[in-house]
């Protein structure tokens, strides 16, 4: 166990649950950030924590994300002939 009492394993979210969940403020889609165990609303620029496998969908519990974090990741670059 981690020092804060939580299991050190990364939390996961059931893909079917992710399809059903929406941002409580914008009603828009959420994306899963496995590294931080958060559900991210890019439109609202909020990241909702997932604790013990349970999404905490309260705006007061959400972390504000920066504009760079809110942008979708760039597509992979294709390398052409050198």
PDB file of N, CA and C in Angstrom:
ATOM      1  N   UNK A   1       0.830  -1.189   0.000  1.00  0.00           N
ATOM      2  CA  UNK A   1       0.000   0.000   0.000  1.00  0.00           C
ATOM      3  C   UNK A   1       0.872   1.248   0.000  1.00  0.00           C
ATOM      4  N   UNK A   2       0.357   2.307  -0.588  1.00  0.00           N
ATOM      5  CA  UNK A   2       1.060   3.583  -0.617  1.00  0.00           C
ATOM      6  C   UNK A   2       0.967   4.251   0.748  1.00  0.00           C
ATOM      7  N   UNK A   3       1.791   5.258   0.959  1.00  0.00           N
ATOM      8  CA  UNK A   3       1.826   5.955   2.244  1.00  0.00           C
ATOM      9  C   UNK A   3       0.476   6.577   2.600  1.00  0.00           C
ATOM     10  N   UNK A   4      -0.308   6.945   1.586  1.00  0.00           N
ATOM     11  CA  UNK A   4      -1.598   7.573   1.862  1.00  0.00           C
ATOM     12  C   UNK A   4      -2.714   6.552   2.071  1.00  0.00           C
ATOM     13  N   UNK A   5      -2.366   5.260   2.093  1.00  0.00           N
ATOM     14  CA  UNK A   5      -3.352   4.229   2.365  1.00  0.00           C
ATOM     15  C   UNK A   5      -4.003   3.652   1.123  1.00  0.00           C
ATOM     16  N   UNK A   6      -3.711   4.199  -0.044  1.00  0.00           N
ATOM     17  CA  UNK A   6      -4.301   3.676  -1.275  1.00  0.00           C
ATOM     18  C   UNK A   6      -3.389   2.621  -1.874  1.00  0.00           C
ATOM     19  N   UNK A   7      -3.978   1.700  -2.579  1.00  0.00           N
ATOM     20  CA  UNK A   7      -3.224   0.672  -3.267  1.00  0.00           C
ATOM     21  C   UNK A   7      -2.412   1.339  -4.370  1.00  0.00           C
ATOM     22  N   UNK A   8      -1.173   0.899  -4.566  1.00  0.00           N
ATOM     23  CA  UNK A   8      -0.276   1.529  -5.531  1.00  0.00           C
ATOM     24  C   UNK A   8      -0.646   1.200  -6.975  1.00  0.00           C
ATOM     25  N   UNK A   9      -1.530   0.220  -7.206  1.00  0.00           N
ATOM     26  CA  UNK A   9      -1.928  -0.107  -8.573  1.00  0.00           C
ATOM     27  C   UNK A   9      -2.716   1.034  -9.190  1.00  0.00           C
ATOM     28  N   UNK A  10      -2.585   1.148 -10.510  1.00  0.00           N
ATOM     29  CA  UNK A  10      -3.333   2.175 -11.233  1.00  0.00           C
ATOM     30  C   UNK A  10      -4.796   1.782 -11.317  1.00  0.00           C
ATOM     31  N   UNK A  11      -5.668   2.747 -11.121  1.00  0.00           N
ATOM     32  CA  UNK A  11      -7.104   2.514 -11.254  1.00  0.00           C
ATOM     33  C   UNK A  11      -7.440   2.393 -12.734  1.00  0.00           C
ATOM     34  N   UNK A  12      -8.504   1.694 -13.020  1.00  0.00           N
ATOM     35  CA  UNK A  12      -8.983   1.600 -14.395  1.00  0.00           C
ATOM     36  C   UNK A  12     -10.473   1.913 -14.402  1.00  0.00           C
ATOM     37  N   UNK A  13     -10.957   2.279 -15.574  1.00  0.00           N
ATOM     38  CA  UNK A  13     -12.382   2.559 -15.741  1.00  0.00           C
ATOM     39  C   UNK A  13     -12.896   1.637 -16.838  1.00  0.00           C
ATOM     40  N   UNK A  14     -14.022   1.014 -16.569  1.00  0.00           N
ATOM     41  CA  UNK A  14     -14.659   0.139 -17.536  1.00  0.00           C
ATOM     42  C   UNK A  14     -15.012   0.962 -18.777  1.00  0.00           C
ATOM     43  N   UNK A  15     -14.593   0.521 -19.956  1.00  0.00           N
ATOM     44  CA  UNK A  15     -14.894   1.284 -21.184  1.00  0.00           C
ATOM     45  C   UNK A  15     -16.388   1.531 -21.384  1.00  0.00           C
ATOM     46  N   UNK A  16     -17.232   0.585 -20.982  1.00  0.00           N
ATOM     47  CA  UNK A  16     -18.685   0.783 -21.124  1.00  0.00           C
ATOM     48  C   UNK A  16     -19.166   1.898 -20.201  1.00  0.00           C
ATOM     49  N   UNK A  17     -18.584   1.981 -19.000  1.00  0.00           N
ATOM     50  CA  UNK A  17     -18.930   3.062 -18.078  1.00  0.00           C
ATOM     51  C   UNK A  17     -18.492   4.401 -18.669  1.00  0.00           C
ATOM     52  N   UNK A  18     -17.322   4.425 -19.270  1.00  0.00           N
ATOM     53  CA  UNK A  18     -16.819   5.660 -19.875  1.00  0.00           C
ATOM     54  C   UNK A  18     -17.752   6.153 -20.974  1.00  0.00           C
ATOM     55  N   UNK A  19     -18.368   5.233 -21.712  1.00  0.00           N
ATOM     56  CA  UNK A  19     -19.324   5.620 -22.756  1.00  0.00           C
ATOM     57  C   UNK A  19     -20.571   6.271 -22.159  1.00  0.00           C
ATOM     58  N   UNK A  20     -20.945   5.861 -20.955  1.00  0.00           N
ATOM     59  CA  UNK A  20     -22.153   6.376 -20.317  1.00  0.00           C
ATOM     60  C   UNK A  20     -21.940   7.690 -19.573  1.00  0.00           C
ATOM     61  N   UNK A  21     -20.738   7.899 -19.045  1.00  0.00           N
ATOM     62  CA  UNK A  21     -20.472   9.091 -18.248  1.00  0.00           C
ATOM     63  C   UNK A  21     -20.307  10.325 -19.123  1.00  0.00           C
ATOM     64  N   UNK A  22     -20.716  11.466 -18.581  1.00  0.00           N
ATOM     65  CA  UNK A  22     -20.555  12.751 -19.262  1.00  0.00           C
ATOM     66  C   UNK A  22     -20.160  13.786 -18.215  1.00  0.00           C
ATOM     67  N   UNK A  23     -19.549  14.842 -18.665  1.00  0.00           N
ATOM     68  CA  UNK A  23     -19.186  15.937 -17.768  1.00  0.00           C
ATOM     69  C   UNK A  23     -20.475  16.525 -17.180  1.00  0.00           C
ATOM     70  N   UNK A  24     -20.552  16.661 -15.862  1.00  0.00           N
ATOM     71  CA  UNK A  24     -21.780  17.200 -15.268  1.00  0.00           C
ATOM     72  C   UNK A  24     -22.043  18.666 -15.624  1.00  0.00           C
ATOM     73  N   UNK A  25     -21.007  19.395 -16.026  1.00  0.00           N
ATOM     74  CA  UNK A  25     -21.205  20.806 -16.384  1.00  0.00           C
ATOM     75  C   UNK A  25     -21.570  20.996 -17.848  1.00  0.00           C
ATOM     76  N   UNK A  26     -20.825  20.338 -18.746  1.00  0.00           N
ATOM     77  CA  UNK A  26     -21.025  20.552 -20.182  1.00  0.00           C
ATOM     78  C   UNK A  26     -21.865  19.467 -20.840  1.00  0.00           C
ATOM     79  N   UNK A  27     -22.045  18.355 -20.149  1.00  0.00           N
ATOM     80  CA  UNK A  27     -22.728  17.174 -20.692  1.00  0.00           C
ATOM     81  C   UNK A  27     -21.958  16.580 -21.858  1.00  0.00           C
ATOM     82  N   UNK A  28     -20.693  16.987 -22.005  1.00  0.00           N
ATOM     83  CA  UNK A  28     -19.839  16.500 -23.079  1.00  0.00           C
ATOM     84  C   UNK A  28     -19.087  15.236 -22.697  1.00  0.00           C
ATOM     85  N   UNK A  29     -18.339  14.685 -23.645  1.00  0.00           N
ATOM     86  CA  UNK A  29     -17.618  13.433 -23.414  1.00  0.00           C
ATOM     87  C   UNK A  29     -16.432  13.613 -22.469  1.00  0.00           C
ATOM     88  N   UNK A  30     -16.025  12.501 -21.886  1.00  0.00           N
ATOM     89  CA  UNK A  30     -14.868  12.465 -21.002  1.00  0.00           C
ATOM     90  C   UNK A  30     -13.838  11.508 -21.586  1.00  0.00           C
ATOM     91  N   UNK A  31     -12.573  11.794 -21.349  1.00  0.00           N
ATOM     92  CA  UNK A  31     -11.510  10.878 -21.752  1.00  0.00           C
ATOM     93  C   UNK A  31     -10.790  10.402 -20.505  1.00  0.00           C
ATOM     94  N   UNK A  32     -10.248   9.196 -20.559  1.00  0.00           N
ATOM     95  CA  UNK A  32      -9.591   8.578 -19.422  1.00  0.00           C
ATOM     96  C   UNK A  32      -8.097   8.886 -19.455  1.00  0.00           C
ATOM     97  N   UNK A  33      -7.581   9.440 -18.371  1.00  0.00           N
ATOM     98  CA  UNK A  33      -6.144   9.671 -18.197  1.00  0.00           C
ATOM     99  C   UNK A  33      -5.663   8.635 -17.191  1.00  0.00           C
ATOM    100  N   UNK A  34      -5.109   7.528 -17.689  1.00  0.00           N
ATOM    101  CA  UNK A  34      -4.695   6.422 -16.823  1.00  0.00           C
ATOM    102  C   UNK A  34      -3.527   6.812 -15.925  1.00  0.00           C
ATOM    103  N   UNK A  35      -2.653   7.671 -16.420  1.00  0.00           N
ATOM    104  CA  UNK A  35      -1.479   8.066 -15.637  1.00  0.00           C
ATOM    105  C   UNK A  35      -1.876   8.780 -14.347  1.00  0.00           C
ATOM    106  N   UNK A  36      -2.915   9.600 -14.412  1.00  0.00           N
ATOM    107  CA  UNK A  36      -3.356  10.373 -13.244  1.00  0.00           C
ATOM    108  C   UNK A  36      -4.640   9.836 -12.615  1.00  0.00           C
ATOM    109  N   UNK A  37      -5.203   8.777 -13.181  1.00  0.00           N
ATOM    110  CA  UNK A  37      -6.473   8.204 -12.709  1.00  0.00           C
ATOM    111  C   UNK A  37      -7.562   9.275 -12.649  1.00  0.00           C
ATOM    112  N   UNK A  38      -7.775   9.928 -13.796  1.00  0.00           N
ATOM    113  CA  UNK A  38      -8.765  11.001 -13.877  1.00  0.00           C
ATOM    114  C   UNK A  38      -9.586  10.870 -15.150  1.00  0.00           C
ATOM    115  N   UNK A  39     -10.812  11.354 -15.071  1.00  0.00           N
ATOM    116  CA  UNK A  39     -11.660  11.507 -16.243  1.00  0.00           C
ATOM    117  C   UNK A  39     -11.593  12.980 -16.640  1.00  0.00           C
ATOM    118  N   UNK A  40     -11.222  13.239 -17.875  1.00  0.00           N
ATOM    119  CA  UNK A  40     -10.949  14.603 -18.318  1.00  0.00           C
ATOM    120  C   UNK A  40     -12.053  15.112 -19.233  1.00  0.00           C
ATOM    121  N   UNK A  41     -12.566  16.294 -18.888  1.00  0.00           N
ATOM    122  CA  UNK A  41     -13.487  17.013 -19.753  1.00  0.00           C
ATOM    123  C   UNK A  41     -12.680  18.128 -20.415  1.00  0.00           C
ATOM    124  N   UNK A  42     -12.354  17.948 -21.683  1.00  0.00           N
ATOM    125  CA  UNK A  42     -11.532  18.938 -22.388  1.00  0.00           C
ATOM    126  C   UNK A  42     -12.288  20.250 -22.582  1.00  0.00           C
ATOM    127  N   UNK A  43     -13.609  20.174 -22.753  1.00  0.00           N
ATOM    128  CA  UNK A  43     -14.416  21.382 -22.958  1.00  0.00           C
ATOM    129  C   UNK A  43     -14.462  22.215 -21.679  1.00  0.00           C
ATOM    130  N   UNK A  44     -14.710  21.576 -20.536  1.00  0.00           N
ATOM    131  CA  UNK A  44     -14.799  22.286 -19.254  1.00  0.00           C
ATOM    132  C   UNK A  44     -13.424  22.567 -18.655  1.00  0.00           C
ATOM    133  N   UNK A  45     -12.384  21.930 -19.226  1.00  0.00           N
ATOM    134  CA  UNK A  45     -11.008  22.053 -18.705  1.00  0.00           C
ATOM    135  C   UNK A  45     -10.938  21.603 -17.244  1.00  0.00           C
ATOM    136  N   UNK A  46     -11.613  20.458 -16.970  1.00  0.00           N
ATOM    137  CA  UNK A  46     -11.627  19.872 -15.631  1.00  0.00           C
ATOM    138  C   UNK A  46     -11.236  18.405 -15.711  1.00  0.00           C
ATOM    139  N   UNK A  47     -10.583  17.932 -14.655  1.00  0.00           N
ATOM    140  CA  UNK A  47     -10.219  16.523 -14.532  1.00  0.00           C
ATOM    141  C   UNK A  47     -10.843  15.985 -13.253  1.00  0.00           C
ATOM    142  N   UNK A  48     -11.741  15.024 -13.394  1.00  0.00           N
ATOM    143  CA  UNK A  48     -12.452  14.444 -12.261  1.00  0.00           C
ATOM    144  C   UNK A  48     -11.667  13.232 -11.745  1.00  0.00           C
ATOM    145  N   UNK A  49     -11.406  13.162 -10.456  1.00  0.00           N
ATOM    146  CA  UNK A  49     -10.622  12.042  -9.931  1.00  0.00           C
ATOM    147  C   UNK A  49     -11.425  10.745  -9.904  1.00  0.00           C
ATOM    148  N   UNK A  50     -10.702   9.639  -9.972  1.00  0.00           N
ATOM    149  CA  UNK A  50     -11.294   8.317  -9.798  1.00  0.00           C
ATOM    150  C   UNK A  50     -10.607   7.718  -8.577  1.00  0.00           C
ATOM    151  N   UNK A  51     -11.380   7.475  -7.527  1.00  0.00           N
ATOM    152  CA  UNK A  51     -10.833   6.952  -6.273  1.00  0.00           C
ATOM    153  C   UNK A  51     -11.412   5.567  -6.016  1.00  0.00           C
ATOM    154  N   UNK A  52     -10.522   4.602  -5.835  1.00  0.00           N
ATOM    155  CA  UNK A  52     -10.936   3.212  -5.600  1.00  0.00           C
ATOM    156  C   UNK A  52     -11.898   2.731  -6.683  1.00  0.00           C
ATOM    157  N   UNK A  53     -11.651   3.151  -7.931  1.00  0.00           N
ATOM    158  CA  UNK A  53     -12.477   2.733  -9.054  1.00  0.00           C
ATOM    159  C   UNK A  53     -13.790   3.478  -9.189  1.00  0.00           C
ATOM    160  N   UNK A  54     -14.024   4.482  -8.337  1.00  0.00           N
ATOM    161  CA  UNK A  54     -15.281   5.229  -8.368  1.00  0.00           C
ATOM    162  C   UNK A  54     -15.032   6.650  -8.888  1.00  0.00           C
ATOM    163  N   UNK A  55     -15.648   7.020 -10.014  1.00  0.00           N
ATOM    164  CA  UNK A  55     -15.486   8.384 -10.526  1.00  0.00           C
ATOM    165  C   UNK A  55     -16.175   9.382  -9.582  1.00  0.00           C
ATOM    166  N   UNK A  56     -15.464  10.409  -9.200  1.00  0.00           N
ATOM    167  CA  UNK A  56     -16.007  11.471  -8.350  1.00  0.00           C
ATOM    168  C   UNK A  56     -16.406  12.611  -9.284  1.00  0.00           C
ATOM    169  N   UNK A  57     -17.670  12.654  -9.651  1.00  0.00           N
ATOM    170  CA  UNK A  57     -18.150  13.569 -10.682  1.00  0.00           C
ATOM    171  C   UNK A  57     -18.680  14.876 -10.092  1.00  0.00           C
ATOM    172  N   UNK A  58     -17.996  15.405  -9.113  1.00  0.00           N
ATOM    173  CA  UNK A  58     -18.373  16.679  -8.499  1.00  0.00           C
ATOM    174  C   UNK A  58     -17.420  17.766  -8.979  1.00  0.00           C
ATOM    175  N   UNK A  59     -17.934  18.839  -9.571  1.00  0.00           N
ATOM    176  CA  UNK A  59     -17.045  19.918 -10.013  1.00  0.00           C
ATOM    177  C   UNK A  59     -16.167  20.460  -8.881  1.00  0.00           C
ATOM    178  N   UNK A  60     -16.665  20.438  -7.656  1.00  0.00           N
ATOM    179  CA  UNK A  60     -15.870  20.933  -6.528  1.00  0.00           C
ATOM    180  C   UNK A  60     -14.668  20.032  -6.228  1.00  0.00           C
ATOM    181  N   UNK A  61     -14.706  18.777  -6.674  1.00  0.00           N
ATOM    182  CA  UNK A  61     -13.602  17.843  -6.465  1.00  0.00           C
ATOM    183  C   UNK A  61     -12.661  17.794  -7.670  1.00  0.00           C
ATOM    184  N   UNK A  62     -13.073  18.397  -8.787  1.00  0.00           N
ATOM    185  CA  UNK A  62     -12.293  18.324 -10.023  1.00  0.00           C
ATOM    186  C   UNK A  62     -11.096  19.268  -9.973  1.00  0.00           C
ATOM    187  N   UNK A  63     -10.068  18.870 -10.711  1.00  0.00           N
ATOM    188  CA  UNK A  63      -8.858  19.674 -10.852  1.00  0.00           C
ATOM    189  C   UNK A  63      -8.959  20.444 -12.164  1.00  0.00           C
ATOM    190  N   UNK A  64      -8.645  21.745 -12.117  1.00  0.00           N
ATOM    191  CA  UNK A  64      -8.629  22.550 -13.336  1.00  0.00           C
ATOM    192  C   UNK A  64      -7.379  22.201 -14.128  1.00  0.00           C
ATOM    193  N   UNK A  65      -7.550  21.988 -15.429  1.00  0.00           N
ATOM    194  CA  UNK A  65      -6.408  21.660 -16.276  1.00  0.00           C
ATOM    195  C   UNK A  65      -6.056  22.848 -17.143  1.00  0.00           C
ATOM    196  N   UNK A  66      -4.816  22.898 -17.565  1.00  0.00           N
ATOM    197  CA  UNK A  66      -4.341  24.005 -18.390  1.00  0.00           C
ATOM    198  C   UNK A  66      -4.860  23.864 -19.818  1.00  0.00           C
ATOM    199  N   UNK A  67      -4.729  24.927 -20.578  1.00  0.00           N
ATOM    200  CA  UNK A  67      -5.188  24.924 -21.969  1.00  0.00           C
ATOM    201  C   UNK A  67      -4.452  23.858 -22.781  1.00  0.00           C
ATOM    202  N   UNK A  68      -3.153  23.657 -22.502  1.00  0.00           N
ATOM    203  CA  UNK A  68      -2.380  22.648 -23.238  1.00  0.00           C
ATOM    204  C   UNK A  68      -2.898  21.246 -22.935  1.00  0.00           C
ATOM    205  N   UNK A  69      -3.256  21.004 -21.662  1.00  0.00           N
ATOM    206  CA  UNK A  69      -3.787  19.695 -21.282  1.00  0.00           C
ATOM    207  C   UNK A  69      -5.163  19.468 -21.894  1.00  0.00           C
ATOM    208  N   UNK A  70      -5.899  20.524 -22.128  1.00  0.00           N
ATOM    209  CA  UNK A  70      -7.252  20.400 -22.664  1.00  0.00           C
ATOM    210  C   UNK A  70      -7.258  20.079 -24.149  1.00  0.00           C
ATOM    211  N   UNK A  71      -6.160  20.377 -24.847  1.00  0.00           N
ATOM    212  CA  UNK A  71      -6.084  20.086 -26.268  1.00  0.00           C
ATOM    213  C   UNK A  71      -5.886  18.597 -26.481  1.00  0.00           C
ATOM    214  N   UNK A  72      -6.479  18.043 -27.525  1.00  0.00           N
ATOM    215  CA  UNK A  72      -6.235  16.627 -27.798  1.00  0.00           C
ATOM    216  C   UNK A  72      -4.774  16.420 -28.179  1.00  0.00           C
ATOM    217  N   UNK A  73      -4.216  15.243 -27.900  1.00  0.00           N
ATOM    218  CA  UNK A  73      -2.821  15.007 -28.256  1.00  0.00           C
ATOM    219  C   UNK A  73      -2.637  15.067 -29.761  1.00  0.00           C
ATOM    220  N   UNK A  74      -1.479  15.537 -30.213  1.00  0.00           N
ATOM    221  CA  UNK A  74      -1.254  15.621 -31.663  1.00  0.00           C
ATOM    222  C   UNK A  74      -1.169  14.221 -32.263  1.00  0.00           C
ATOM    223  N   UNK A  75      -1.559  14.084 -33.536  1.00  0.00           N
ATOM    224  CA  UNK A  75      -1.464  12.768 -34.175  1.00  0.00           C
ATOM    225  C   UNK A  75      -0.009  12.374 -34.317  1.00  0.00           C
ATOM    226  N   UNK A  76       0.278  11.079 -34.365  1.00  0.00           N
ATOM    227  CA  UNK A  76       1.668  10.647 -34.515  1.00  0.00           C
ATOM    228  C   UNK A  76       2.220  11.102 -35.855  1.00  0.00           C
ATOM    229  N   UNK A  77       3.468  11.476 -35.847  1.00  0.00           N
ATOM    230  CA  UNK A  77       4.122  11.923 -37.086  1.00  0.00           C
ATOM    231  C   UNK A  77       4.562  10.721 -37.903  1.00  0.00           C
ATOM    232  N   UNK A  78       4.334  10.825 -39.161  1.00  0.00           N
ATOM    233  CA  UNK A  78       4.787   9.774 -40.077  1.00  0.00           C
ATOM    234  C   UNK A  78       6.150  10.171 -40.609  1.00  0.00           C
ATOM    235  N   UNK A  79       7.070   9.260 -40.536  1.00  0.00           N
ATOM    236  CA  UNK A  79       8.407   9.595 -41.040  1.00  0.00           C
ATOM    237  C   UNK A  79       8.481   9.197 -42.509  1.00  0.00           C
ATOM    238  N   UNK A  80       8.909  10.128 -43.287  1.00  0.00           N
ATOM    239  CA  UNK A  80       9.047   9.893 -44.712  1.00  0.00           C
ATOM    240  C   UNK A  80      10.463   9.493 -45.040  1.00  0.00           C
ATOM    241  N   UNK A  81      10.761   9.337 -46.303  1.00  0.00           N
ATOM    242  CA  UNK A  81      12.136   8.977 -46.685  1.00  0.00           C
ATOM    243  C   UNK A  81      13.092  10.109 -46.325  1.00  0.00           C
ATOM    244  N   UNK A  82      14.265   9.724 -45.895  1.00  0.00           N
ATOM    245  CA  UNK A  82      15.270  10.728 -45.478  1.00  0.00           C
ATOM    246  C   UNK A  82      16.155  11.121 -46.621  1.00  0.00           C
TER     247      UNK A  82
END
